């Protein structure tokens, strides 16, 4: 009986330690994303870049996602599944918002500043690679952390897209690379949202 008690206590302590590690990492990536949203969105407005503003909006969405993850971290499986579902809805809304931004950019037809796109797209890539490396070891622990890692992975892909768009805008002196990359980012958001929602829905029903 004593051995069972010690075993149960050991499991509880291990769980709590893991949650403290998760909380610390989520706080760090939350701060990084909130700061990068302010910098990148401001740069996107000045540069007139749909891809840069879309990437910045993703940073804001991720800050919300990480805050929700922190809230659900020490709660039941139902709360975690609900948090994952909320994250899927947030990603879906971002995808729709990016698509609207791309349509507006098509109508204006003004090429963005490739210099600002390269500068802030590169800074955002560094920030998101740091976030992804911090989150990777937690990606298989539960649906909440798995969906959080998914968001961070998408950020790295989006950052690479912004840099590609910046290079093509500079080379071609055309807004179309920015528009096309922004549209591709919208599709990535929509695909990821459907995946997160599909994974969270059965767990939410089961719990």
N, C-alpha and C. Protein backbone atom coordinates (compact mmCIF):
# COMPACT_ATOMS: atom_id res chain seq x y z
N UNK A 1 0.84 -1.21 0.00
CA UNK A 1 0.00 0.00 0.00
C UNK A 1 0.87 1.25 0.00
N UNK A 2 1.95 1.21 0.81
CA UNK A 2 2.87 2.34 0.86
C UNK A 2 3.53 2.56 -0.50
N UNK A 3 3.88 1.44 -1.15
CA UNK A 3 4.50 1.54 -2.47
C UNK A 3 3.54 2.18 -3.47
N UNK A 4 2.24 1.79 -3.38
CA UNK A 4 1.24 2.37 -4.27
C UNK A 4 1.13 3.87 -4.04
N UNK A 5 1.16 4.27 -2.77
CA UNK A 5 1.05 5.68 -2.41
C UNK A 5 2.23 6.47 -2.97
N UNK A 6 3.45 5.90 -2.79
CA UNK A 6 4.65 6.57 -3.30
C UNK A 6 4.61 6.68 -4.82
N UNK A 7 4.11 5.61 -5.45
CA UNK A 7 4.01 5.63 -6.90
C UNK A 7 3.05 6.70 -7.38
N UNK A 8 1.91 6.81 -6.70
CA UNK A 8 0.92 7.82 -7.06
C UNK A 8 1.48 9.22 -6.85
N UNK A 9 2.20 9.41 -5.74
CA UNK A 9 2.79 10.71 -5.46
C UNK A 9 3.83 11.06 -6.52
N UNK A 10 4.64 10.07 -6.90
CA UNK A 10 5.66 10.30 -7.92
C UNK A 10 5.03 10.72 -9.23
N UNK A 11 3.92 10.07 -9.62
CA UNK A 11 3.23 10.40 -10.85
C UNK A 11 2.67 11.81 -10.79
N UNK A 12 2.09 12.17 -9.64
CA UNK A 12 1.53 13.51 -9.46
C UNK A 12 2.61 14.57 -9.57
N UNK A 13 3.75 14.34 -8.91
CA UNK A 13 4.85 15.30 -8.95
C UNK A 13 5.40 15.45 -10.36
N UNK A 14 5.48 14.33 -11.07
CA UNK A 14 5.97 14.37 -12.44
C UNK A 14 5.04 15.19 -13.32
N UNK A 15 3.73 15.00 -13.12
CA UNK A 15 2.74 15.76 -13.89
C UNK A 15 2.85 17.25 -13.60
N UNK A 16 2.96 17.59 -12.32
CA UNK A 16 3.06 19.00 -11.92
C UNK A 16 4.33 19.63 -12.46
N UNK A 17 5.43 18.89 -12.43
CA UNK A 17 6.69 19.41 -12.95
C UNK A 17 6.59 19.67 -14.44
N UNK A 18 5.92 18.72 -15.14
CA UNK A 18 5.75 18.89 -16.58
C UNK A 18 4.89 20.11 -16.88
N UNK A 19 3.84 20.32 -16.09
CA UNK A 19 2.99 21.48 -16.29
C UNK A 19 3.73 22.78 -16.01
N UNK A 20 4.61 22.79 -15.01
CA UNK A 20 5.40 23.99 -14.74
C UNK A 20 6.32 24.30 -15.92
N UNK A 21 6.91 23.24 -16.49
CA UNK A 21 7.77 23.43 -17.66
C UNK A 21 6.96 23.98 -18.83
N UNK A 22 5.77 23.41 -19.04
CA UNK A 22 4.91 23.87 -20.11
C UNK A 22 4.51 25.33 -19.90
N UNK A 23 4.15 25.66 -18.67
CA UNK A 23 3.71 27.03 -18.37
C UNK A 23 4.84 28.03 -18.63
N UNK A 24 6.05 27.69 -18.20
CA UNK A 24 7.18 28.59 -18.40
C UNK A 24 7.43 28.82 -19.89
N UNK A 25 7.39 27.74 -20.68
CA UNK A 25 7.62 27.87 -22.12
C UNK A 25 6.51 28.68 -22.78
N UNK A 26 5.26 28.42 -22.39
CA UNK A 26 4.14 29.14 -22.99
C UNK A 26 4.19 30.63 -22.67
N UNK A 27 4.61 30.98 -21.47
CA UNK A 27 4.74 32.39 -21.11
C UNK A 27 5.80 33.06 -21.99
N UNK A 28 6.92 32.37 -22.22
CA UNK A 28 7.99 32.92 -23.05
C UNK A 28 7.51 33.14 -24.48
N UNK A 29 6.87 32.12 -25.07
CA UNK A 29 6.44 32.26 -26.47
C UNK A 29 5.29 33.25 -26.60
N UNK A 30 4.47 33.37 -25.56
CA UNK A 30 3.41 34.38 -25.56
C UNK A 30 4.01 35.78 -25.63
N UNK A 31 5.03 36.04 -24.81
CA UNK A 31 5.69 37.35 -24.80
C UNK A 31 6.35 37.64 -26.15
N UNK A 32 7.02 36.64 -26.72
CA UNK A 32 7.68 36.82 -28.01
C UNK A 32 6.67 37.18 -29.10
N UNK A 33 5.55 36.44 -29.15
CA UNK A 33 4.55 36.68 -30.18
C UNK A 33 3.85 38.02 -30.02
N UNK A 34 3.57 38.41 -28.79
CA UNK A 34 2.91 39.70 -28.56
C UNK A 34 3.81 40.85 -29.01
N UNK A 35 5.11 40.76 -28.68
CA UNK A 35 6.04 41.82 -29.07
C UNK A 35 6.22 41.85 -30.59
N UNK A 36 6.32 40.68 -31.22
CA UNK A 36 6.52 40.62 -32.66
C UNK A 36 5.29 41.09 -33.42
N UNK A 37 4.10 40.89 -32.88
CA UNK A 37 2.89 41.39 -33.54
C UNK A 37 2.96 42.91 -33.69
N UNK A 38 3.32 43.59 -32.61
CA UNK A 38 3.39 45.06 -32.64
C UNK A 38 4.41 45.52 -33.69
N UNK A 39 5.60 44.92 -33.66
CA UNK A 39 6.66 45.31 -34.59
C UNK A 39 6.30 44.99 -36.04
N UNK A 40 5.84 43.76 -36.27
CA UNK A 40 5.62 43.31 -37.65
C UNK A 40 4.39 43.94 -38.28
N UNK A 41 3.34 44.13 -37.50
CA UNK A 41 2.13 44.72 -38.08
C UNK A 41 2.38 46.18 -38.44
N UNK A 42 3.11 46.88 -37.56
CA UNK A 42 3.47 48.26 -37.88
C UNK A 42 4.31 48.34 -39.14
N UNK A 43 5.26 47.41 -39.28
CA UNK A 43 6.09 47.37 -40.47
C UNK A 43 5.26 47.01 -41.70
N UNK A 44 4.28 46.12 -41.53
CA UNK A 44 3.41 45.74 -42.64
C UNK A 44 2.59 46.90 -43.16
N UNK A 45 2.10 47.74 -42.24
CA UNK A 45 1.33 48.92 -42.65
C UNK A 45 2.22 49.90 -43.42
N UNK A 46 3.42 50.15 -42.87
CA UNK A 46 4.35 51.08 -43.52
C UNK A 46 4.80 50.55 -44.88
N UNK A 47 5.09 49.23 -44.94
CA UNK A 47 5.57 48.63 -46.18
C UNK A 47 4.46 48.41 -47.20
N UNK A 48 3.20 48.35 -46.73
CA UNK A 48 2.09 48.04 -47.63
C UNK A 48 2.09 46.61 -48.08
N UNK A 49 2.50 45.69 -47.17
CA UNK A 49 2.64 44.28 -47.52
C UNK A 49 1.52 43.44 -46.92
N UNK A 50 0.76 42.76 -47.79
CA UNK A 50 -0.29 41.87 -47.31
C UNK A 50 0.30 40.68 -46.58
N UNK A 51 1.42 40.14 -47.10
CA UNK A 51 2.06 38.98 -46.48
C UNK A 51 2.60 39.32 -45.10
N UNK A 52 3.20 40.50 -44.96
CA UNK A 52 3.76 40.91 -43.67
C UNK A 52 2.66 41.16 -42.65
N UNK A 53 1.56 41.80 -43.06
CA UNK A 53 0.44 42.03 -42.15
C UNK A 53 -0.24 40.71 -41.78
N UNK A 54 -0.31 39.78 -42.74
CA UNK A 54 -0.90 38.47 -42.46
C UNK A 54 -0.05 37.72 -41.44
N UNK A 55 1.26 37.79 -41.60
CA UNK A 55 2.16 37.13 -40.66
C UNK A 55 2.05 37.75 -39.28
N UNK A 56 1.92 39.07 -39.23
CA UNK A 56 1.76 39.76 -37.95
C UNK A 56 0.43 39.37 -37.28
N UNK A 57 -0.62 39.27 -38.08
CA UNK A 57 -1.92 38.84 -37.53
C UNK A 57 -1.81 37.45 -36.95
N UNK A 58 -1.00 36.62 -37.59
CA UNK A 58 -0.76 35.28 -37.07
C UNK A 58 -0.08 35.35 -35.71
N UNK A 59 0.85 36.29 -35.55
CA UNK A 59 1.50 36.48 -34.26
C UNK A 59 0.48 36.82 -33.17
N UNK A 60 -0.46 37.72 -33.50
CA UNK A 60 -1.50 38.07 -32.54
C UNK A 60 -2.37 36.86 -32.22
N UNK A 61 -2.73 36.11 -33.27
CA UNK A 61 -3.53 34.91 -33.04
C UNK A 61 -2.81 33.91 -32.16
N UNK A 62 -1.50 33.78 -32.37
CA UNK A 62 -0.73 32.85 -31.55
C UNK A 62 -0.65 33.30 -30.10
N UNK A 63 -0.54 34.62 -29.89
CA UNK A 63 -0.53 35.13 -28.51
C UNK A 63 -1.82 34.74 -27.80
N UNK A 64 -2.95 34.84 -28.52
CA UNK A 64 -4.23 34.42 -27.95
C UNK A 64 -4.23 32.92 -27.70
N UNK A 65 -3.70 32.17 -28.68
CA UNK A 65 -3.64 30.71 -28.56
C UNK A 65 -2.83 30.29 -27.34
N UNK A 66 -1.69 30.91 -27.12
CA UNK A 66 -0.84 30.55 -25.99
C UNK A 66 -1.51 30.92 -24.67
N UNK A 67 -2.23 32.04 -24.66
CA UNK A 67 -2.95 32.43 -23.44
C UNK A 67 -4.02 31.39 -23.11
N UNK A 68 -4.73 30.91 -24.14
CA UNK A 68 -5.74 29.87 -23.93
C UNK A 68 -5.08 28.58 -23.46
N UNK A 69 -3.94 28.25 -24.02
CA UNK A 69 -3.21 27.04 -23.62
C UNK A 69 -2.80 27.13 -22.16
N UNK A 70 -2.34 28.29 -21.73
CA UNK A 70 -1.97 28.48 -20.33
C UNK A 70 -3.17 28.27 -19.41
N UNK A 71 -4.33 28.77 -19.85
CA UNK A 71 -5.53 28.64 -19.04
C UNK A 71 -5.95 27.18 -18.89
N UNK A 72 -5.78 26.40 -19.97
CA UNK A 72 -6.24 25.01 -19.97
C UNK A 72 -5.20 24.03 -19.44
N UNK A 73 -3.99 24.50 -19.20
CA UNK A 73 -2.87 23.61 -18.93
C UNK A 73 -3.10 22.64 -17.77
N UNK A 74 -3.55 23.14 -16.64
CA UNK A 74 -3.71 22.31 -15.45
C UNK A 74 -5.16 21.85 -15.27
N UNK A 75 -5.96 21.96 -16.30
CA UNK A 75 -7.37 21.60 -16.20
C UNK A 75 -7.64 20.22 -16.80
N UNK A 76 -8.89 19.85 -16.85
CA UNK A 76 -9.28 18.51 -17.29
C UNK A 76 -9.08 18.34 -18.79
N UNK A 77 -9.21 17.07 -19.23
CA UNK A 77 -9.10 16.78 -20.66
C UNK A 77 -10.17 17.51 -21.46
N UNK A 78 -11.33 17.69 -20.86
CA UNK A 78 -12.40 18.41 -21.55
C UNK A 78 -12.01 19.86 -21.80
N UNK A 79 -11.41 20.50 -20.79
CA UNK A 79 -10.93 21.87 -20.94
C UNK A 79 -9.85 21.95 -22.02
N UNK A 80 -8.93 20.96 -22.01
CA UNK A 80 -7.86 20.97 -23.00
C UNK A 80 -8.40 20.78 -24.42
N UNK A 81 -9.37 19.89 -24.55
CA UNK A 81 -9.99 19.68 -25.86
C UNK A 81 -10.74 20.94 -26.30
N UNK A 82 -11.41 21.59 -25.34
CA UNK A 82 -12.11 22.83 -25.65
C UNK A 82 -11.15 23.94 -26.05
N UNK A 83 -9.99 24.00 -25.38
CA UNK A 83 -8.98 24.99 -25.73
C UNK A 83 -8.44 24.74 -27.13
N UNK A 84 -8.21 23.46 -27.46
CA UNK A 84 -7.74 23.12 -28.80
C UNK A 84 -8.79 23.50 -29.86
N UNK A 85 -10.07 23.27 -29.55
CA UNK A 85 -11.13 23.64 -30.47
C UNK A 85 -11.16 25.16 -30.69
N UNK A 86 -11.00 25.92 -29.59
CA UNK A 86 -10.96 27.37 -29.70
C UNK A 86 -9.79 27.83 -30.57
N UNK A 87 -8.65 27.17 -30.40
CA UNK A 87 -7.49 27.51 -31.21
C UNK A 87 -7.77 27.25 -32.69
N UNK A 88 -8.46 26.14 -32.98
CA UNK A 88 -8.82 25.86 -34.36
C UNK A 88 -9.71 26.95 -34.95
N UNK A 89 -10.65 27.43 -34.15
CA UNK A 89 -11.54 28.50 -34.61
C UNK A 89 -10.77 29.80 -34.83
N UNK A 90 -9.80 30.10 -33.93
CA UNK A 90 -8.97 31.30 -34.08
C UNK A 90 -8.15 31.22 -35.37
N UNK A 91 -7.55 30.05 -35.63
CA UNK A 91 -6.77 29.87 -36.86
C UNK A 91 -7.65 30.03 -38.08
N UNK A 92 -8.87 29.51 -38.01
CA UNK A 92 -9.81 29.62 -39.11
C UNK A 92 -10.15 31.09 -39.38
N UNK A 93 -10.41 31.84 -38.31
CA UNK A 93 -10.73 33.27 -38.46
C UNK A 93 -9.56 34.04 -39.07
N UNK A 94 -8.34 33.69 -38.65
CA UNK A 94 -7.16 34.34 -39.23
C UNK A 94 -7.04 34.05 -40.72
N UNK A 95 -7.33 32.80 -41.11
CA UNK A 95 -7.27 32.45 -42.52
C UNK A 95 -8.25 33.27 -43.35
N UNK A 96 -9.45 33.44 -42.83
CA UNK A 96 -10.45 34.26 -43.53
C UNK A 96 -10.00 35.72 -43.59
N UNK A 97 -9.45 36.22 -42.48
CA UNK A 97 -8.98 37.60 -42.44
C UNK A 97 -7.85 37.85 -43.43
N UNK A 98 -6.92 36.90 -43.54
CA UNK A 98 -5.82 37.03 -44.49
C UNK A 98 -6.36 37.05 -45.92
N UNK A 99 -7.33 36.19 -46.20
CA UNK A 99 -7.92 36.15 -47.54
C UNK A 99 -8.54 37.50 -47.90
N UNK A 100 -9.20 38.13 -46.94
CA UNK A 100 -9.80 39.46 -47.18
C UNK A 100 -8.71 40.49 -47.46
N UNK A 101 -7.60 40.42 -46.70
CA UNK A 101 -6.47 41.34 -46.91
C UNK A 101 -5.89 41.18 -48.31
N UNK A 102 -5.78 39.94 -48.76
CA UNK A 102 -5.23 39.67 -50.09
C UNK A 102 -6.13 40.26 -51.17
N UNK A 103 -7.43 40.13 -51.01
CA UNK A 103 -8.37 40.69 -51.99
C UNK A 103 -8.22 42.21 -52.06
N UNK A 104 -8.07 42.85 -50.90
CA UNK A 104 -7.89 44.31 -50.86
C UNK A 104 -6.58 44.71 -51.55
N UNK A 105 -5.55 43.88 -51.38
CA UNK A 105 -4.25 44.17 -52.01
C UNK A 105 -4.35 44.03 -53.53
N UNK A 106 -5.11 43.08 -54.02
CA UNK A 106 -5.31 42.92 -55.46
C UNK A 106 -5.95 44.18 -56.04
N UNK A 107 -6.88 44.76 -55.30
CA UNK A 107 -7.59 45.95 -55.78
C UNK A 107 -6.69 47.18 -55.81
N UNK A 108 -5.75 47.27 -54.85
CA UNK A 108 -4.87 48.45 -54.82
C UNK A 108 -3.75 48.35 -55.85
N UNK A 109 -3.11 47.16 -55.95
CA UNK A 109 -2.07 46.94 -56.96
C UNK A 109 -0.77 47.68 -56.73
N UNK A 110 -0.51 48.15 -55.50
CA UNK A 110 0.72 48.89 -55.22
C UNK A 110 1.78 47.95 -54.66
N UNK A 111 2.99 47.90 -55.25
CA UNK A 111 4.04 47.00 -54.73
C UNK A 111 4.46 47.41 -53.32
N UNK A 112 4.69 46.45 -52.43
CA UNK A 112 5.14 46.77 -51.08
C UNK A 112 6.64 47.05 -51.04
N UNK A 113 7.13 47.50 -49.88
CA UNK A 113 8.56 47.73 -49.69
C UNK A 113 9.26 46.41 -49.41
N UNK A 114 10.07 45.96 -50.36
CA UNK A 114 10.76 44.68 -50.19
C UNK A 114 11.80 44.74 -49.07
N UNK A 115 12.39 45.91 -48.86
CA UNK A 115 13.41 46.05 -47.80
C UNK A 115 12.81 45.80 -46.42
N UNK A 116 11.68 46.43 -46.15
CA UNK A 116 11.01 46.23 -44.86
C UNK A 116 10.51 44.80 -44.72
N UNK A 117 10.04 44.22 -45.82
CA UNK A 117 9.57 42.84 -45.78
C UNK A 117 10.71 41.89 -45.40
N UNK A 118 11.88 42.09 -46.01
CA UNK A 118 13.03 41.25 -45.70
C UNK A 118 13.48 41.43 -44.26
N UNK A 119 13.55 42.68 -43.82
CA UNK A 119 14.04 42.97 -42.48
C UNK A 119 13.14 42.36 -41.41
N UNK A 120 11.85 42.66 -41.48
CA UNK A 120 10.95 42.20 -40.42
C UNK A 120 10.51 40.76 -40.62
N UNK A 121 10.50 40.28 -41.86
CA UNK A 121 10.23 38.87 -42.09
C UNK A 121 11.34 38.00 -41.51
N UNK A 122 12.59 38.45 -41.68
CA UNK A 122 13.72 37.72 -41.10
C UNK A 122 13.70 37.73 -39.58
N UNK A 123 13.36 38.89 -39.00
CA UNK A 123 13.27 38.98 -37.54
C UNK A 123 12.18 38.06 -37.00
N UNK A 124 11.04 38.03 -37.70
CA UNK A 124 9.93 37.16 -37.28
C UNK A 124 10.32 35.68 -37.40
N UNK A 125 11.08 35.34 -38.43
CA UNK A 125 11.52 33.94 -38.60
C UNK A 125 12.40 33.51 -37.43
N UNK A 126 13.33 34.36 -37.04
CA UNK A 126 14.19 34.03 -35.89
C UNK A 126 13.36 33.83 -34.64
N UNK A 127 12.40 34.74 -34.41
CA UNK A 127 11.55 34.65 -33.21
C UNK A 127 10.75 33.35 -33.21
N UNK A 128 10.20 32.98 -34.37
CA UNK A 128 9.36 31.78 -34.43
C UNK A 128 10.16 30.50 -34.37
N UNK A 129 11.40 30.51 -34.86
CA UNK A 129 12.25 29.34 -34.72
C UNK A 129 12.58 29.10 -33.24
N UNK A 130 12.76 30.17 -32.49
CA UNK A 130 12.99 30.04 -31.05
C UNK A 130 11.76 29.43 -30.38
N UNK A 131 10.58 29.94 -30.74
CA UNK A 131 9.33 29.43 -30.16
C UNK A 131 9.14 27.95 -30.50
N UNK A 132 9.39 27.59 -31.76
CA UNK A 132 9.20 26.21 -32.19
C UNK A 132 10.14 25.27 -31.45
N UNK A 133 11.39 25.68 -31.27
CA UNK A 133 12.34 24.83 -30.56
C UNK A 133 11.94 24.64 -29.10
N UNK A 134 11.36 25.66 -28.49
CA UNK A 134 10.92 25.56 -27.10
C UNK A 134 9.72 24.63 -26.96
N UNK A 135 8.84 24.61 -27.96
CA UNK A 135 7.60 23.85 -27.88
C UNK A 135 7.72 22.40 -28.35
N UNK A 136 8.76 22.08 -29.11
CA UNK A 136 8.85 20.78 -29.77
C UNK A 136 8.78 19.61 -28.79
N UNK A 137 9.45 19.70 -27.65
CA UNK A 137 9.47 18.56 -26.73
C UNK A 137 8.12 18.31 -26.05
N UNK A 138 7.17 19.24 -26.19
CA UNK A 138 5.85 19.05 -25.57
C UNK A 138 4.78 18.64 -26.59
N UNK A 139 5.14 18.52 -27.86
CA UNK A 139 4.14 18.40 -28.92
C UNK A 139 3.29 17.15 -28.82
N UNK A 140 3.78 16.06 -28.19
CA UNK A 140 3.02 14.81 -28.12
C UNK A 140 2.39 14.57 -26.74
N UNK A 141 2.42 15.55 -25.87
CA UNK A 141 1.94 15.30 -24.50
C UNK A 141 0.42 15.31 -24.40
N UNK A 142 -0.25 16.22 -25.09
CA UNK A 142 -1.71 16.22 -25.11
C UNK A 142 -2.17 17.06 -26.30
N UNK A 143 -3.49 17.05 -26.55
CA UNK A 143 -4.03 17.74 -27.72
C UNK A 143 -3.83 19.24 -27.62
N UNK A 144 -3.82 19.76 -26.40
CA UNK A 144 -3.62 21.19 -26.19
C UNK A 144 -2.24 21.62 -26.66
N UNK A 145 -1.20 20.93 -26.20
CA UNK A 145 0.16 21.27 -26.57
C UNK A 145 0.45 20.92 -28.03
N UNK A 146 -0.20 19.87 -28.53
CA UNK A 146 -0.02 19.48 -29.93
C UNK A 146 -0.53 20.58 -30.86
N UNK A 147 -1.70 21.14 -30.55
CA UNK A 147 -2.25 22.21 -31.38
C UNK A 147 -1.42 23.49 -31.25
N UNK A 148 -0.83 23.70 -30.07
CA UNK A 148 0.03 24.86 -29.87
C UNK A 148 1.28 24.76 -30.72
N UNK A 149 1.87 23.56 -30.76
CA UNK A 149 3.05 23.33 -31.61
C UNK A 149 2.69 23.52 -33.08
N UNK A 150 1.50 23.07 -33.45
CA UNK A 150 1.04 23.22 -34.84
C UNK A 150 1.01 24.69 -35.24
N UNK A 151 0.54 25.53 -34.35
CA UNK A 151 0.48 26.97 -34.64
C UNK A 151 1.89 27.52 -34.87
N UNK A 152 2.83 27.12 -34.01
CA UNK A 152 4.20 27.62 -34.12
C UNK A 152 4.86 27.12 -35.40
N UNK A 153 4.60 25.87 -35.79
CA UNK A 153 5.15 25.31 -37.02
C UNK A 153 4.64 26.10 -38.23
N UNK A 154 3.37 26.45 -38.22
CA UNK A 154 2.80 27.25 -39.30
C UNK A 154 3.48 28.61 -39.41
N UNK A 155 3.84 29.18 -38.26
CA UNK A 155 4.50 30.48 -38.25
C UNK A 155 5.82 30.45 -39.02
N UNK A 156 6.60 29.40 -38.80
CA UNK A 156 7.89 29.28 -39.48
C UNK A 156 7.68 29.19 -41.00
N UNK A 157 6.69 28.40 -41.42
CA UNK A 157 6.37 28.28 -42.84
C UNK A 157 5.96 29.64 -43.41
N UNK A 158 5.12 30.36 -42.67
CA UNK A 158 4.67 31.67 -43.12
C UNK A 158 5.82 32.65 -43.25
N UNK A 159 6.75 32.63 -42.27
CA UNK A 159 7.90 33.54 -42.32
C UNK A 159 8.74 33.29 -43.57
N UNK A 160 8.96 32.02 -43.89
CA UNK A 160 9.71 31.69 -45.11
C UNK A 160 8.99 32.22 -46.34
N UNK A 161 7.65 32.14 -46.32
CA UNK A 161 6.86 32.66 -47.43
C UNK A 161 7.02 34.16 -47.57
N UNK A 162 7.05 34.88 -46.45
CA UNK A 162 7.22 36.34 -46.48
C UNK A 162 8.58 36.70 -47.10
N UNK A 163 9.62 35.97 -46.72
CA UNK A 163 10.96 36.25 -47.25
C UNK A 163 11.03 35.97 -48.76
N UNK A 164 10.39 34.87 -49.19
CA UNK A 164 10.34 34.57 -50.62
C UNK A 164 9.59 35.68 -51.37
N UNK A 165 8.47 36.11 -50.81
CA UNK A 165 7.70 37.18 -51.43
C UNK A 165 8.50 38.47 -51.52
N UNK A 166 9.25 38.77 -50.46
CA UNK A 166 10.06 40.00 -50.45
C UNK A 166 11.11 39.97 -51.56
N UNK A 167 11.77 38.81 -51.71
CA UNK A 167 12.77 38.69 -52.76
C UNK A 167 12.18 38.85 -54.15
N UNK A 168 11.01 38.26 -54.35
CA UNK A 168 10.36 38.35 -55.67
C UNK A 168 9.81 39.74 -55.95
N UNK A 169 9.31 40.42 -54.91
CA UNK A 169 8.83 41.80 -55.08
C UNK A 169 9.99 42.70 -55.50
N UNK A 170 11.15 42.51 -54.86
CA UNK A 170 12.34 43.30 -55.21
C UNK A 170 12.78 43.02 -56.65
N UNK A 171 12.76 41.74 -57.03
CA UNK A 171 13.24 41.33 -58.34
C UNK A 171 12.30 41.78 -59.47
N UNK A 172 10.99 41.61 -59.24
CA UNK A 172 10.01 41.86 -60.29
C UNK A 172 9.38 43.25 -60.22
N UNK A 173 9.57 43.95 -59.08
CA UNK A 173 8.92 45.26 -58.88
C UNK A 173 7.41 45.16 -59.08
N UNK A 174 6.83 44.11 -58.52
CA UNK A 174 5.40 43.82 -58.71
C UNK A 174 4.77 43.43 -57.37
N UNK A 175 3.49 43.76 -57.17
CA UNK A 175 2.81 43.36 -55.94
C UNK A 175 2.37 41.90 -55.93
N UNK A 176 2.44 41.22 -57.08
CA UNK A 176 1.85 39.89 -57.18
C UNK A 176 2.53 38.82 -56.32
N UNK A 177 3.84 38.85 -56.15
CA UNK A 177 4.43 37.86 -55.23
C UNK A 177 3.89 37.99 -53.82
N UNK A 178 3.72 39.23 -53.37
CA UNK A 178 3.16 39.49 -52.04
C UNK A 178 1.73 38.97 -51.97
N UNK A 179 0.98 39.20 -53.03
CA UNK A 179 -0.41 38.75 -53.08
C UNK A 179 -0.51 37.22 -53.08
N UNK A 180 0.33 36.60 -53.91
CA UNK A 180 0.28 35.14 -54.02
C UNK A 180 0.72 34.45 -52.73
N UNK A 181 1.78 34.96 -52.10
CA UNK A 181 2.23 34.38 -50.83
C UNK A 181 1.18 34.59 -49.75
N UNK A 182 0.56 35.77 -49.73
CA UNK A 182 -0.52 36.02 -48.78
C UNK A 182 -1.67 35.05 -48.96
N UNK A 183 -2.02 34.78 -50.23
CA UNK A 183 -3.09 33.82 -50.51
C UNK A 183 -2.72 32.41 -50.07
N UNK A 184 -1.46 32.03 -50.31
CA UNK A 184 -0.98 30.71 -49.88
C UNK A 184 -1.02 30.59 -48.36
N UNK A 185 -0.65 31.65 -47.66
CA UNK A 185 -0.71 31.65 -46.20
C UNK A 185 -2.14 31.45 -45.71
N UNK A 186 -3.08 32.07 -46.41
CA UNK A 186 -4.49 31.90 -46.04
C UNK A 186 -4.91 30.43 -46.17
N UNK A 187 -4.47 29.78 -47.25
CA UNK A 187 -4.80 28.36 -47.44
C UNK A 187 -4.17 27.49 -46.35
N UNK A 188 -2.92 27.81 -45.95
CA UNK A 188 -2.26 27.05 -44.89
C UNK A 188 -3.04 27.19 -43.59
N UNK A 189 -3.49 28.40 -43.30
CA UNK A 189 -4.28 28.64 -42.10
C UNK A 189 -5.55 27.81 -42.11
N UNK A 190 -6.26 27.81 -43.23
CA UNK A 190 -7.53 27.10 -43.32
C UNK A 190 -7.32 25.60 -43.16
N UNK A 191 -6.27 25.06 -43.80
CA UNK A 191 -5.97 23.63 -43.69
C UNK A 191 -5.63 23.26 -42.25
N UNK A 192 -4.79 24.07 -41.61
CA UNK A 192 -4.40 23.79 -40.23
C UNK A 192 -5.59 23.88 -39.30
N UNK A 193 -6.47 24.86 -39.53
CA UNK A 193 -7.66 25.02 -38.69
C UNK A 193 -8.54 23.78 -38.75
N UNK A 194 -8.74 23.26 -39.96
CA UNK A 194 -9.57 22.07 -40.11
C UNK A 194 -8.95 20.86 -39.41
N UNK A 195 -7.62 20.76 -39.46
CA UNK A 195 -6.94 19.64 -38.81
C UNK A 195 -7.07 19.73 -37.29
N UNK A 196 -6.83 20.91 -36.73
CA UNK A 196 -6.93 21.09 -35.28
C UNK A 196 -8.35 20.83 -34.80
N UNK A 197 -9.33 21.34 -35.52
CA UNK A 197 -10.73 21.14 -35.14
C UNK A 197 -11.11 19.66 -35.23
N UNK A 198 -10.62 18.99 -36.29
CA UNK A 198 -10.93 17.56 -36.47
C UNK A 198 -10.33 16.72 -35.34
N UNK A 199 -9.15 17.10 -34.84
CA UNK A 199 -8.53 16.35 -33.75
C UNK A 199 -9.20 16.65 -32.41
N UNK A 200 -9.64 17.89 -32.22
CA UNK A 200 -10.21 18.28 -30.94
C UNK A 200 -11.66 17.83 -30.77
N UNK A 201 -12.42 17.79 -31.86
CA UNK A 201 -13.85 17.50 -31.77
C UNK A 201 -14.14 16.14 -31.12
N UNK A 202 -13.50 15.02 -31.55
CA UNK A 202 -13.79 13.73 -30.92
C UNK A 202 -13.44 13.71 -29.43
N UNK A 203 -12.33 14.34 -29.06
CA UNK A 203 -11.93 14.36 -27.66
C UNK A 203 -12.89 15.20 -26.83
N UNK A 204 -13.39 16.28 -27.43
CA UNK A 204 -14.36 17.12 -26.73
C UNK A 204 -15.65 16.38 -26.50
N UNK A 205 -16.10 15.61 -27.51
CA UNK A 205 -17.33 14.81 -27.35
C UNK A 205 -17.12 13.69 -26.33
N UNK A 206 -15.96 13.04 -26.38
CA UNK A 206 -15.69 11.91 -25.48
C UNK A 206 -15.59 12.35 -24.03
N UNK A 207 -15.06 13.55 -23.81
CA UNK A 207 -14.88 14.01 -22.43
C UNK A 207 -16.13 14.65 -21.88
